[in-house]
Amino acid sequence: MMQLFIKLFLLMIAVSATVSAADINKTTGEDYLDNFLANTRTLQADFKQTLRSSDGEVLQQTAGVFYLSRPGKFRWDYSAPYAQKIISDGDHIWIYDVDLDQVTVKKQATGVPNTPMALLDNSLKLHQQFNIVPLDNHHGIYRLKLVSKTRDADFGEIIVGMDKHGLRFLQLHDQFNQVTDIVFDKLKTNTPLAASLFKFTPPPGVDVFGQF
């Protein structure tokens, strides 16, 4: 389960963008994602995340605040149902379970195998790994579908929802036929974020697993 969440978090970086609804009308899905890769440097948002089974049963619900600083740095502060922090400094991913006094650390390049990290880099790699299909517009929310070109991808299909305020939701379909919905609120883009948000030192006395 932890590996699945890490892969999800890195995918989140791929599509954390803000553009206007008018911009989406003028461009294709490919142009929209290219705009993110070129122009979005930082992002902050509240989020609610729901994991469902293939038959729709709710398996887990979480909430918190997400931070992004490109290239390669992110932070998830979970406040519900229990406190957890997941922090990337660009080189390592730190997972801190506050209640368990436990930290797991992995190198970012090797700790998340088969994750489409190309989404962090440039549009060329994006187009190499995904087919991008504009879907529809429901009540001002525009949807785009990213379909993996490889059968062994962690997420075979990703649905992105946008409105005039920016990124509204993600829906990820994984290889186990589970669906993860992530809904965003209170988005702030390209505003200064403290460098300390993306640094982590294990607190004294906690158990640390992994190498760094």
Protein backbone atom coordinates (compact mmCIF):
# COMPACT_ATOMS: atom_id res chain seq x y z
CA MET A 1 0.00 0.00 0.00
CA MET A 2 2.82 2.44 0.83
CA GLN A 3 4.47 1.84 -2.56
CA LEU A 4 1.16 2.58 -4.26
CA PHE A 5 0.75 5.87 -2.40
CA ILE A 6 4.29 6.99 -3.29
CA LYS A 7 3.63 6.30 -6.96
CA LEU A 8 0.39 8.25 -6.69
CA PHE A 9 2.18 11.22 -5.12
CA LEU A 10 4.72 11.48 -7.91
CA LEU A 11 2.01 11.27 -10.50
CA MET A 12 0.29 14.11 -8.76
CA ILE A 13 3.22 16.36 -9.54
CA ALA A 14 2.68 15.65 -13.20
CA VAL A 15 -0.66 17.40 -13.48
CA SER A 16 -0.63 20.01 -10.72
CA ALA A 17 -1.26 23.06 -12.93
CA THR A 18 -3.48 26.12 -13.20
CA VAL A 19 -4.72 27.52 -16.51
CA SER A 20 -7.94 29.29 -17.42
CA ALA A 21 -10.94 27.61 -18.98
CA ALA A 22 -10.48 29.89 -21.97
CA ASP A 23 -6.97 28.57 -22.48
CA ILE A 24 -8.26 24.99 -22.52
CA ASN A 25 -10.87 25.92 -25.12
CA LYS A 26 -8.16 27.29 -27.38
CA THR A 27 -5.78 24.39 -27.07
CA THR A 28 -5.63 20.63 -27.13
CA GLY A 29 -5.01 18.45 -24.11
CA GLU A 30 -1.38 18.17 -25.17
CA ASP A 31 -1.03 21.97 -25.27
CA TYR A 32 -2.60 22.27 -21.84
CA LEU A 33 -0.12 19.86 -20.23
CA ASP A 34 2.77 21.44 -22.10
CA ASN A 35 1.72 24.79 -20.60
CA PHE A 36 2.00 23.31 -17.11
CA LEU A 37 5.44 21.87 -17.74
CA ALA A 38 6.63 25.22 -19.07
CA ASN A 39 5.02 27.66 -16.65
CA THR A 40 4.02 26.21 -13.28
CA ARG A 41 6.83 26.42 -10.75
CA THR A 42 5.03 26.09 -7.38
CA LEU A 43 1.64 24.93 -6.14
CA GLN A 44 -0.14 24.80 -2.79
CA ALA A 45 -3.60 23.29 -2.23
CA ASP A 46 -5.85 21.58 0.29
CA PHE A 47 -6.89 18.08 -0.78
CA LYS A 48 -9.27 15.25 0.04
CA GLN A 49 -8.37 11.78 -1.20
CA THR A 50 -10.63 8.72 -1.48
CA LEU A 51 -9.51 5.22 -2.43
CA ARG A 52 -12.24 2.89 -3.74
CA SER A 53 -12.28 -0.78 -4.68
CA SER A 54 -13.31 -2.01 -8.13
CA ASP A 55 -16.91 -2.35 -6.91
CA GLY A 56 -17.03 1.15 -5.44
CA GLU A 57 -16.43 0.35 -1.76
CA VAL A 58 -14.58 3.14 0.08
CA LEU A 59 -11.29 1.70 1.36
CA GLN A 60 -9.64 4.83 2.73
CA GLN A 61 -10.27 8.56 3.07
CA THR A 62 -7.53 11.09 3.81
CA ALA A 63 -7.10 14.86 3.79
CA GLY A 64 -4.41 17.49 4.18
CA VAL A 65 -2.28 20.06 2.35
CA PHE A 66 -0.10 19.51 -0.74
CA TYR A 67 2.94 21.58 -1.77
CA LEU A 68 4.92 21.39 -5.01
CA SER A 69 8.15 23.06 -6.09
CA ARG A 70 9.46 22.03 -9.49
CA PRO A 71 11.66 20.36 -10.34
CA GLY A 72 11.10 17.29 -8.20
CA LYS A 73 10.22 18.65 -4.75
CA PHE A 74 6.90 18.04 -3.02
CA ARG A 75 5.29 17.69 0.38
CA TRP A 76 2.05 16.07 1.60
CA ASP A 77 0.93 16.98 5.12
CA TYR A 78 -1.85 14.62 6.18
CA SER A 79 -4.05 15.77 9.04
CA ALA A 80 -6.79 13.12 8.76
CA PRO A 81 -7.42 10.40 9.73
CA TYR A 82 -3.94 10.49 11.31
CA ALA A 83 -0.86 12.69 11.01
CA GLN A 84 1.64 11.76 8.33
CA LYS A 85 4.20 13.71 6.29
CA ILE A 86 5.61 12.71 2.91
CA ILE A 87 8.43 14.98 1.77
CA SER A 88 10.70 14.97 -1.27
CA ASP A 89 13.82 17.14 -1.36
CA GLY A 90 14.46 16.16 -4.99
CA ASP A 91 16.85 13.38 -4.03
CA HIS A 92 15.02 11.40 -1.32
CA ILE A 93 11.43 10.71 -0.28
CA TRP A 94 10.78 10.79 3.47
CA ILE A 95 7.63 9.18 4.91
CA TYR A 96 7.06 10.17 8.53
CA ASP A 97 4.28 8.42 10.46
CA VAL A 98 3.92 10.72 13.43
CA ASP A 99 1.86 8.43 15.68
CA LEU A 100 4.15 5.47 15.05
CA ASP A 101 7.39 7.46 15.56
CA GLN A 102 8.62 5.88 12.33
CA VAL A 103 10.37 7.26 9.24
CA THR A 104 10.94 5.47 5.93
CA VAL A 105 13.38 6.98 3.43
CA LYS A 106 14.03 6.05 -0.20
CA LYS A 107 16.02 7.54 -3.03
CA GLN A 108 13.58 9.28 -5.32
CA ALA A 109 15.04 7.81 -8.52
CA THR A 110 14.95 4.20 -7.29
CA GLY A 111 12.24 4.18 -4.64
CA VAL A 112 9.34 4.42 -7.06
CA PRO A 113 10.00 1.99 -9.94
CA ASN A 114 7.81 2.20 -13.05
CA THR A 115 6.44 5.62 -12.07
CA PRO A 116 6.21 7.90 -15.14
CA MET A 117 8.76 10.37 -13.82
CA ALA A 118 8.94 11.84 -17.31
CA LEU A 119 5.95 13.97 -16.34
CA LEU A 120 8.29 15.93 -14.10
CA ASP A 121 10.68 16.72 -16.92
CA ASN A 122 9.31 17.76 -20.29
CA SER A 123 6.46 17.34 -22.75
CA LEU A 124 8.49 15.11 -25.07
CA LYS A 125 8.68 12.34 -22.48
CA LEU A 126 5.03 12.94 -21.60
CA HIS A 127 3.94 12.23 -25.16
CA GLN A 128 6.21 9.22 -25.33
CA GLN A 129 4.46 7.59 -22.36
CA PHE A 130 0.83 8.68 -22.67
CA ASN A 131 -1.91 9.14 -25.22
CA ILE A 132 -3.74 12.36 -24.28
CA VAL A 133 -7.47 12.66 -25.06
CA PRO A 134 -9.69 15.71 -24.36
CA LEU A 135 -13.00 14.42 -22.95
CA ASP A 136 -15.80 16.84 -22.10
CA ASN A 137 -17.01 19.85 -20.15
CA HIS A 138 -19.53 19.46 -17.31
CA HIS A 139 -20.67 22.65 -15.57
CA GLY A 140 -17.43 24.44 -16.36
CA ILE A 141 -15.12 21.55 -15.45
CA TYR A 142 -13.00 20.32 -18.34
CA ARG A 143 -11.74 16.73 -18.33
CA LEU A 144 -8.65 15.29 -20.01
CA LYS A 145 -7.69 11.62 -20.11
CA LEU A 146 -4.11 10.34 -20.05
CA VAL A 147 -3.80 6.71 -21.17
CA SER A 148 -0.51 4.89 -20.58
CA LYS A 149 1.14 3.39 -23.66
CA THR A 150 2.62 0.52 -21.61
CA ARG A 151 0.71 -2.39 -20.11
CA ASP A 152 2.76 -2.56 -16.90
CA ALA A 153 2.19 1.06 -15.84
CA ASP A 154 1.11 1.69 -12.24
CA PHE A 155 -1.83 3.79 -13.47
CA GLY A 156 -3.31 2.77 -16.79
CA GLU A 157 -5.62 5.77 -16.95
CA ILE A 158 -5.62 9.23 -15.35
CA ILE A 159 -8.52 11.70 -15.57
CA VAL A 160 -7.72 15.37 -14.95
CA GLY A 161 -10.48 17.87 -14.07
CA MET A 162 -9.99 21.62 -14.64
CA ASP A 163 -12.12 24.75 -14.32
CA LYS A 164 -11.39 28.47 -14.55
CA HIS A 165 -9.76 28.37 -11.12
CA GLY A 166 -7.31 25.61 -11.98
CA LEU A 167 -6.89 21.95 -11.04
CA ARG A 168 -10.06 20.62 -9.42
CA PHE A 169 -9.60 16.84 -9.26
CA LEU A 170 -7.67 13.79 -10.35
CA GLN A 171 -9.03 10.30 -10.85
CA LEU A 172 -6.46 7.50 -11.10
CA HIS A 173 -7.22 3.93 -12.20
CA ASP A 174 -4.54 1.49 -11.06
CA GLN A 175 -3.56 -2.02 -12.13
CA PHE A 176 -5.66 -3.53 -9.30
CA ASN A 177 -8.85 -1.90 -10.68
CA GLN A 178 -8.92 0.46 -7.70
CA VAL A 179 -9.81 4.11 -8.21
CA THR A 180 -8.28 7.04 -6.33
CA ASP A 181 -10.13 10.38 -6.40
CA ILE A 182 -8.27 13.50 -5.27
CA VAL A 183 -10.20 16.77 -4.98
CA PHE A 184 -8.34 20.08 -4.58
CA ASP A 185 -9.39 23.34 -2.98
CA LYS A 186 -7.82 26.74 -2.19
CA LEU A 187 -5.19 26.52 -4.92
CA LYS A 188 -2.25 28.93 -4.99
CA THR A 189 0.18 28.76 -7.91
CA ASN A 190 3.60 30.30 -8.55
CA THR A 191 3.77 31.87 -5.10
CA PRO A 192 6.98 31.70 -3.03
CA LEU A 193 7.28 28.57 -0.87
CA ALA A 194 9.81 28.30 1.95
CA ALA A 195 12.74 26.03 1.12
CA SER A 196 12.34 24.45 4.57
CA LEU A 197 9.06 22.84 3.44
CA PHE A 198 11.05 20.42 1.31
CA LYS A 199 13.73 19.52 3.84
CA PHE A 200 13.40 16.82 6.46
CA THR A 201 15.50 15.68 9.42
CA PRO A 202 14.23 12.68 11.40
CA PRO A 203 13.21 13.78 14.92
CA PRO A 204 15.30 12.36 17.78
CA GLY A 205 14.21 8.93 18.94
CA VAL A 206 12.20 7.86 15.88
CA ASP A 207 12.92 4.57 14.06
CA VAL A 208 14.40 5.17 10.59
CA PHE A 209 14.14 2.55 7.85
CA GLY A 210 16.03 2.78 4.56
CA GLN A 211 19.21 4.50 3.47
CA PHE A 212 20.00 8.15 2.83
